[in-house]
Amino acid sequence: MNIIPVLACKDMAKSLRFYLEILDFELVGTWPEMSSPAFSILHRGGAELHLSTYPGDGVLGSVVAIVVNDIENLFRLYVSRGLVPIKNDSPVHLGPTQQTCGTTEFYVDDPGGNTLRFIQRS
């Protein structure tokens, strides 16, 4: 069984630039091609993510947890590609942060306001 998150986005082109250029996803396709509304399928490391500008496909401000290895290097890579943390009052948006539950996490907000929680388990 695969569970695939569908994230709502306001602007497909802007969201695709973010996911492809900064977060290193690969585009499978967008239908209809670069119009609005549109639906895109992305892949990265065996995982799949869907983006949609269709009404009713998710809500802006959703949260997706992504379990990763080597969280420190991943964060540095994203910053080198142009990731700019936008929540300066949130330490977990500024870089990998040790959580009380024993995980290390950093959060990234996409252009639609969805939060991706990158998590490394101890």
N, C-alpha and C. Protein backbone atom coordinates (compact mmCIF):
# COMPACT_ATOMS: atom_id res chain seq x y z
N MET A 1 0.85 -1.17 0.00
CA MET A 1 0.00 0.00 0.00
C MET A 1 0.90 1.23 0.00
N ASN A 2 0.56 2.20 -0.84
CA ASN A 2 1.24 3.50 -0.84
C ASN A 2 0.25 4.56 -0.40
N ILE A 3 0.68 5.44 0.45
CA ILE A 3 -0.12 6.60 0.83
C ILE A 3 0.56 7.81 0.21
N ILE A 4 -0.18 8.55 -0.61
CA ILE A 4 0.40 9.67 -1.35
C ILE A 4 -0.28 10.96 -0.94
N PRO A 5 0.47 11.89 -0.33
CA PRO A 5 -0.13 13.17 0.03
C PRO A 5 -0.47 14.00 -1.21
N VAL A 6 -1.60 14.69 -1.13
CA VAL A 6 -1.98 15.67 -2.15
C VAL A 6 -1.97 17.03 -1.48
N LEU A 7 -1.08 17.90 -1.93
CA LEU A 7 -0.97 19.23 -1.35
C LEU A 7 -1.62 20.26 -2.26
N ALA A 8 -2.46 21.09 -1.68
CA ALA A 8 -3.06 22.19 -2.42
C ALA A 8 -1.98 23.26 -2.64
N CYS A 9 -2.03 23.90 -3.78
CA CYS A 9 -1.12 25.01 -4.04
C CYS A 9 -1.88 26.12 -4.77
N LYS A 10 -1.40 27.34 -4.59
CA LYS A 10 -2.04 28.50 -5.21
C LYS A 10 -1.57 28.70 -6.64
N ASP A 11 -0.28 28.47 -6.88
CA ASP A 11 0.35 28.76 -8.16
C ASP A 11 1.22 27.55 -8.53
N MET A 12 0.78 26.76 -9.50
CA MET A 12 1.49 25.53 -9.84
C MET A 12 2.92 25.81 -10.29
N ALA A 13 3.13 26.80 -11.14
CA ALA A 13 4.48 27.07 -11.64
C ALA A 13 5.43 27.43 -10.50
N LYS A 14 4.97 28.26 -9.59
CA LYS A 14 5.80 28.66 -8.45
C LYS A 14 6.09 27.46 -7.54
N SER A 15 5.08 26.65 -7.29
CA SER A 15 5.27 25.45 -6.46
C SER A 15 6.23 24.47 -7.12
N LEU A 16 6.08 24.26 -8.41
CA LEU A 16 6.98 23.34 -9.10
C LEU A 16 8.42 23.82 -9.06
N ARG A 17 8.67 25.10 -9.24
CA ARG A 17 10.04 25.62 -9.13
C ARG A 17 10.62 25.27 -7.76
N PHE A 18 9.84 25.47 -6.71
CA PHE A 18 10.29 25.20 -5.34
C PHE A 18 10.61 23.71 -5.16
N TYR A 19 9.68 22.85 -5.53
CA TYR A 19 9.88 21.41 -5.31
C TYR A 19 10.97 20.82 -6.20
N LEU A 20 11.10 21.32 -7.43
CA LEU A 20 12.09 20.77 -8.36
C LEU A 20 13.48 21.36 -8.13
N GLU A 21 13.57 22.67 -7.98
CA GLU A 21 14.87 23.33 -7.91
C GLU A 21 15.49 23.32 -6.52
N ILE A 22 14.69 23.40 -5.48
CA ILE A 22 15.23 23.44 -4.13
C ILE A 22 15.17 22.08 -3.45
N LEU A 23 14.02 21.40 -3.52
CA LEU A 23 13.85 20.15 -2.79
C LEU A 23 14.21 18.91 -3.61
N ASP A 24 14.61 19.09 -4.86
CA ASP A 24 15.17 18.01 -5.67
C ASP A 24 14.17 16.92 -6.04
N PHE A 25 12.89 17.26 -6.16
CA PHE A 25 11.91 16.31 -6.69
C PHE A 25 12.03 16.26 -8.20
N GLU A 26 11.54 15.20 -8.81
CA GLU A 26 11.49 15.07 -10.26
C GLU A 26 10.03 15.13 -10.69
N LEU A 27 9.78 15.84 -11.76
CA LEU A 27 8.42 15.99 -12.29
C LEU A 27 8.06 14.80 -13.17
N VAL A 28 6.99 14.11 -12.82
CA VAL A 28 6.45 13.04 -13.67
C VAL A 28 5.58 13.67 -14.75
N GLY A 29 4.74 14.64 -14.34
CA GLY A 29 3.91 15.33 -15.31
C GLY A 29 2.94 16.28 -14.65
N THR A 30 2.40 17.19 -15.46
CA THR A 30 1.39 18.14 -15.02
C THR A 30 0.25 18.09 -16.03
N TRP A 31 -0.99 18.02 -15.50
CA TRP A 31 -2.16 17.93 -16.37
C TRP A 31 -3.22 18.91 -15.93
N PRO A 32 -3.89 19.66 -16.78
CA PRO A 32 -3.38 19.95 -18.11
C PRO A 32 -2.10 20.77 -17.98
N GLU A 33 -1.29 20.67 -18.99
CA GLU A 33 0.05 21.25 -18.92
C GLU A 33 0.01 22.75 -18.65
N MET A 34 0.47 23.13 -17.48
CA MET A 34 0.66 24.51 -17.03
C MET A 34 -0.54 25.42 -17.27
N SER A 35 -1.70 24.92 -16.94
CA SER A 35 -2.88 25.78 -16.94
C SER A 35 -3.43 25.79 -15.52
N SER A 36 -4.54 26.44 -15.34
CA SER A 36 -5.11 26.47 -14.00
C SER A 36 -6.61 26.21 -14.11
N PRO A 37 -7.13 25.24 -13.38
CA PRO A 37 -6.45 24.43 -12.39
C PRO A 37 -5.58 23.36 -13.05
N ALA A 38 -4.65 22.80 -12.25
CA ALA A 38 -3.73 21.78 -12.75
C ALA A 38 -3.40 20.79 -11.63
N PHE A 39 -2.86 19.66 -12.04
CA PHE A 39 -2.49 18.59 -11.12
C PHE A 39 -1.12 18.08 -11.53
N SER A 40 -0.18 17.96 -10.58
CA SER A 40 1.17 17.49 -10.89
C SER A 40 1.53 16.30 -10.01
N ILE A 41 2.34 15.40 -10.58
CA ILE A 41 2.89 14.28 -9.84
C ILE A 41 4.40 14.45 -9.78
N LEU A 42 4.95 14.32 -8.56
CA LEU A 42 6.38 14.46 -8.33
C LEU A 42 6.91 13.18 -7.69
N HIS A 43 8.19 12.87 -7.96
CA HIS A 43 8.87 11.74 -7.33
C HIS A 43 10.17 12.22 -6.72
N ARG A 44 10.58 11.55 -5.64
CA ARG A 44 11.91 11.75 -5.07
C ARG A 44 12.23 10.55 -4.21
N GLY A 45 13.31 9.86 -4.53
CA GLY A 45 13.79 8.75 -3.73
C GLY A 45 12.75 7.68 -3.44
N GLY A 46 11.95 7.33 -4.42
CA GLY A 46 10.94 6.30 -4.24
C GLY A 46 9.63 6.80 -3.64
N ALA A 47 9.59 8.05 -3.26
CA ALA A 47 8.35 8.63 -2.71
C ALA A 47 7.63 9.42 -3.80
N GLU A 48 6.33 9.56 -3.63
CA GLU A 48 5.51 10.30 -4.59
C GLU A 48 4.73 11.37 -3.85
N LEU A 49 4.58 12.51 -4.49
CA LEU A 49 3.83 13.64 -3.93
C LEU A 49 3.00 14.23 -5.05
N HIS A 50 1.75 14.61 -4.74
CA HIS A 50 0.87 15.24 -5.72
C HIS A 50 0.62 16.69 -5.31
N LEU A 51 0.61 17.57 -6.29
CA LEU A 51 0.27 18.98 -6.09
C LEU A 51 -0.96 19.29 -6.92
N SER A 52 -1.85 20.10 -6.37
CA SER A 52 -3.09 20.40 -7.09
C SER A 52 -3.55 21.82 -6.84
N THR A 53 -4.05 22.44 -7.89
CA THR A 53 -4.72 23.74 -7.75
C THR A 53 -6.23 23.58 -7.93
N TYR A 54 -6.71 22.34 -8.02
CA TYR A 54 -8.14 22.09 -8.13
C TYR A 54 -8.84 22.34 -6.80
N PRO A 55 -9.98 23.02 -6.83
CA PRO A 55 -10.74 23.20 -5.59
C PRO A 55 -11.11 21.84 -4.99
N GLY A 56 -10.99 21.72 -3.70
CA GLY A 56 -11.34 20.48 -3.03
C GLY A 56 -10.21 19.47 -2.90
N ASP A 57 -9.08 19.70 -3.59
CA ASP A 57 -7.92 18.81 -3.46
C ASP A 57 -7.01 19.33 -2.36
N GLY A 58 -7.30 18.95 -1.14
CA GLY A 58 -6.48 19.39 -0.02
C GLY A 58 -6.81 20.81 0.39
N VAL A 59 -6.15 21.24 1.44
CA VAL A 59 -6.30 22.62 1.92
C VAL A 59 -4.93 23.23 2.08
N LEU A 60 -4.83 24.52 1.82
CA LEU A 60 -3.57 25.22 2.03
C LEU A 60 -3.24 25.17 3.52
N GLY A 61 -1.99 24.97 3.84
CA GLY A 61 -1.57 24.90 5.22
C GLY A 61 -1.49 23.48 5.76
N SER A 62 -1.51 22.49 4.88
CA SER A 62 -1.39 21.10 5.31
C SER A 62 0.04 20.81 5.79
N VAL A 63 0.20 19.69 6.48
CA VAL A 63 1.51 19.27 6.99
C VAL A 63 1.80 17.86 6.51
N VAL A 64 3.03 17.64 6.03
CA VAL A 64 3.48 16.33 5.62
C VAL A 64 4.79 16.03 6.34
N ALA A 65 4.89 14.86 6.96
CA ALA A 65 6.12 14.43 7.60
C ALA A 65 6.93 13.58 6.63
N ILE A 66 8.23 13.84 6.57
CA ILE A 66 9.12 13.13 5.66
C ILE A 66 10.30 12.61 6.49
N VAL A 67 10.41 11.30 6.61
CA VAL A 67 11.50 10.71 7.39
C VAL A 67 12.73 10.59 6.49
N VAL A 68 13.85 11.12 6.97
CA VAL A 68 15.09 11.16 6.19
C VAL A 68 16.27 10.68 7.02
N ASN A 69 17.38 10.43 6.33
CA ASN A 69 18.67 10.17 6.97
C ASN A 69 19.56 11.38 6.70
N ASP A 70 20.54 11.61 7.52
CA ASP A 70 21.52 12.68 7.32
C ASP A 70 20.86 14.05 7.17
N ILE A 71 20.08 14.40 8.15
CA ILE A 71 19.27 15.62 8.11
C ILE A 71 20.12 16.89 8.03
N GLU A 72 21.28 16.89 8.66
CA GLU A 72 22.16 18.07 8.64
C GLU A 72 22.60 18.39 7.21
N ASN A 73 23.07 17.38 6.48
CA ASN A 73 23.51 17.60 5.10
C ASN A 73 22.35 17.96 4.18
N LEU A 74 21.19 17.37 4.42
CA LEU A 74 20.02 17.69 3.61
C LEU A 74 19.64 19.17 3.78
N PHE A 75 19.63 19.64 5.01
CA PHE A 75 19.31 21.05 5.25
C PHE A 75 20.33 21.96 4.56
N ARG A 76 21.62 21.65 4.68
CA ARG A 76 22.65 22.47 4.03
C ARG A 76 22.47 22.48 2.51
N LEU A 77 22.12 21.32 1.94
CA LEU A 77 21.88 21.25 0.50
C LEU A 77 20.73 22.17 0.09
N TYR A 78 19.63 22.12 0.83
CA TYR A 78 18.48 22.96 0.49
C TYR A 78 18.81 24.44 0.62
N VAL A 79 19.55 24.82 1.64
CA VAL A 79 19.96 26.22 1.80
C VAL A 79 20.86 26.63 0.64
N SER A 80 21.77 25.75 0.21
CA SER A 80 22.66 26.08 -0.92
C SER A 80 21.89 26.25 -2.22
N ARG A 81 20.69 25.66 -2.30
CA ARG A 81 19.85 25.78 -3.50
C ARG A 81 18.87 26.94 -3.41
N GLY A 82 18.91 27.68 -2.32
CA GLY A 82 18.06 28.87 -2.23
C GLY A 82 16.96 28.82 -1.19
N LEU A 83 16.92 27.77 -0.36
CA LEU A 83 15.92 27.73 0.70
C LEU A 83 16.16 28.87 1.67
N VAL A 84 15.12 29.65 1.90
CA VAL A 84 15.19 30.74 2.86
C VAL A 84 14.11 30.49 3.90
N PRO A 85 14.52 30.18 5.14
CA PRO A 85 13.51 29.99 6.19
C PRO A 85 12.68 31.26 6.35
N ILE A 86 11.34 31.12 6.37
CA ILE A 86 10.49 32.31 6.42
C ILE A 86 9.88 32.55 7.79
N LYS A 87 10.12 31.66 8.73
CA LYS A 87 9.57 31.83 10.07
C LYS A 87 10.72 32.00 11.06
N ASN A 88 11.23 33.20 11.17
CA ASN A 88 12.38 33.45 12.02
C ASN A 88 12.09 33.23 13.50
N ASP A 89 10.82 33.20 13.88
CA ASP A 89 10.46 32.98 15.28
C ASP A 89 10.31 31.50 15.60
N SER A 90 10.59 30.63 14.64
CA SER A 90 10.44 29.19 14.81
C SER A 90 11.80 28.51 14.63
N PRO A 91 12.45 28.10 15.73
CA PRO A 91 13.78 27.49 15.60
C PRO A 91 13.82 26.30 14.65
N VAL A 92 12.76 25.53 14.59
CA VAL A 92 12.75 24.34 13.75
C VAL A 92 12.66 24.70 12.26
N HIS A 93 12.30 25.95 11.93
CA HIS A 93 12.36 26.43 10.55
C HIS A 93 13.76 26.94 10.20
N LEU A 94 14.58 27.23 11.20
CA LEU A 94 15.91 27.81 10.96
C LEU A 94 16.99 26.76 10.79
N GLY A 95 16.69 25.52 11.12
CA GLY A 95 17.67 24.46 10.95
C GLY A 95 17.31 23.25 11.79
N PRO A 96 18.05 22.17 11.61
CA PRO A 96 17.77 20.95 12.36
C PRO A 96 17.77 21.22 13.86
N THR A 97 16.71 20.77 14.51
CA THR A 97 16.49 21.02 15.93
C THR A 97 16.20 19.70 16.63
N GLN A 98 16.88 19.48 17.74
CA GLN A 98 16.65 18.29 18.55
C GLN A 98 15.32 18.45 19.27
N GLN A 99 14.41 17.48 19.09
CA GLN A 99 13.11 17.53 19.73
C GLN A 99 13.11 16.68 21.00
N THR A 100 12.19 16.97 21.90
CA THR A 100 12.13 16.23 23.17
C THR A 100 11.78 14.76 22.97
N CYS A 101 11.16 14.40 21.86
CA CYS A 101 10.81 13.00 21.59
C CYS A 101 11.99 12.20 21.03
N GLY A 102 13.15 12.86 20.87
CA GLY A 102 14.34 12.16 20.42
C GLY A 102 14.64 12.28 18.94
N THR A 103 13.79 12.94 18.18
CA THR A 103 14.05 13.13 16.75
C THR A 103 14.78 14.45 16.53
N THR A 104 15.39 14.57 15.36
CA THR A 104 15.94 15.84 14.91
C THR A 104 15.08 16.25 13.72
N GLU A 105 14.63 17.52 13.71
CA GLU A 105 13.69 17.95 12.69
C GLU A 105 14.02 19.35 12.18
N PHE A 106 13.66 19.59 10.92
CA PHE A 106 13.55 20.96 10.41
C PHE A 106 12.31 21.03 9.55
N TYR A 107 11.72 22.22 9.51
CA TYR A 107 10.48 22.43 8.78
C TYR A 107 10.72 23.39 7.63
N VAL A 108 10.02 23.14 6.54
CA VAL A 108 10.08 23.98 5.35
C VAL A 108 8.66 24.30 4.93
N ASP A 109 8.37 25.56 4.67
CA ASP A 109 7.05 25.95 4.15
C ASP A 109 7.16 26.16 2.65
N ASP A 110 6.25 25.53 1.91
CA ASP A 110 6.26 25.69 0.46
C ASP A 110 5.53 26.98 0.08
N PRO A 111 5.53 27.35 -1.20
CA PRO A 111 4.89 28.62 -1.60
C PRO A 111 3.40 28.69 -1.31
N GLY A 112 2.73 27.55 -1.12
CA GLY A 112 1.30 27.55 -0.79
C GLY A 112 1.02 27.59 0.70
N GLY A 113 2.08 27.58 1.51
CA GLY A 113 1.89 27.61 2.96
C GLY A 113 1.79 26.24 3.61
N ASN A 114 2.04 25.19 2.84
CA ASN A 114 2.08 23.84 3.40
C ASN A 114 3.43 23.64 4.09
N THR A 115 3.45 22.87 5.15
CA THR A 115 4.68 22.63 5.89
C THR A 115 5.16 21.21 5.66
N LEU A 116 6.43 21.09 5.29
CA LEU A 116 7.08 19.80 5.17
C LEU A 116 7.97 19.64 6.39
N ARG A 117 7.72 18.60 7.17
CA ARG A 117 8.50 18.34 8.38
C ARG A 117 9.50 17.23 8.07
N PHE A 118 10.75 17.60 7.92
CA PHE A 118 11.81 16.63 7.69
C PHE A 118 12.26 16.11 9.05
N ILE A 119 12.25 14.79 9.21
CA ILE A 119 12.46 14.16 10.51
C ILE A 119 13.53 13.08 10.38
N GLN A 120 14.51 13.13 11.28
CA GLN A 120 15.48 12.04 11.40
C GLN A 120 15.28 11.41 12.76
N ARG A 121 14.99 10.12 12.74
CA ARG A 121 14.80 9.40 14.00
C ARG A 121 16.16 8.97 14.55
N SER A 122 16.25 8.94 15.87
CA SER A 122 17.52 8.55 16.52
C SER A 122 17.79 7.08 16.35
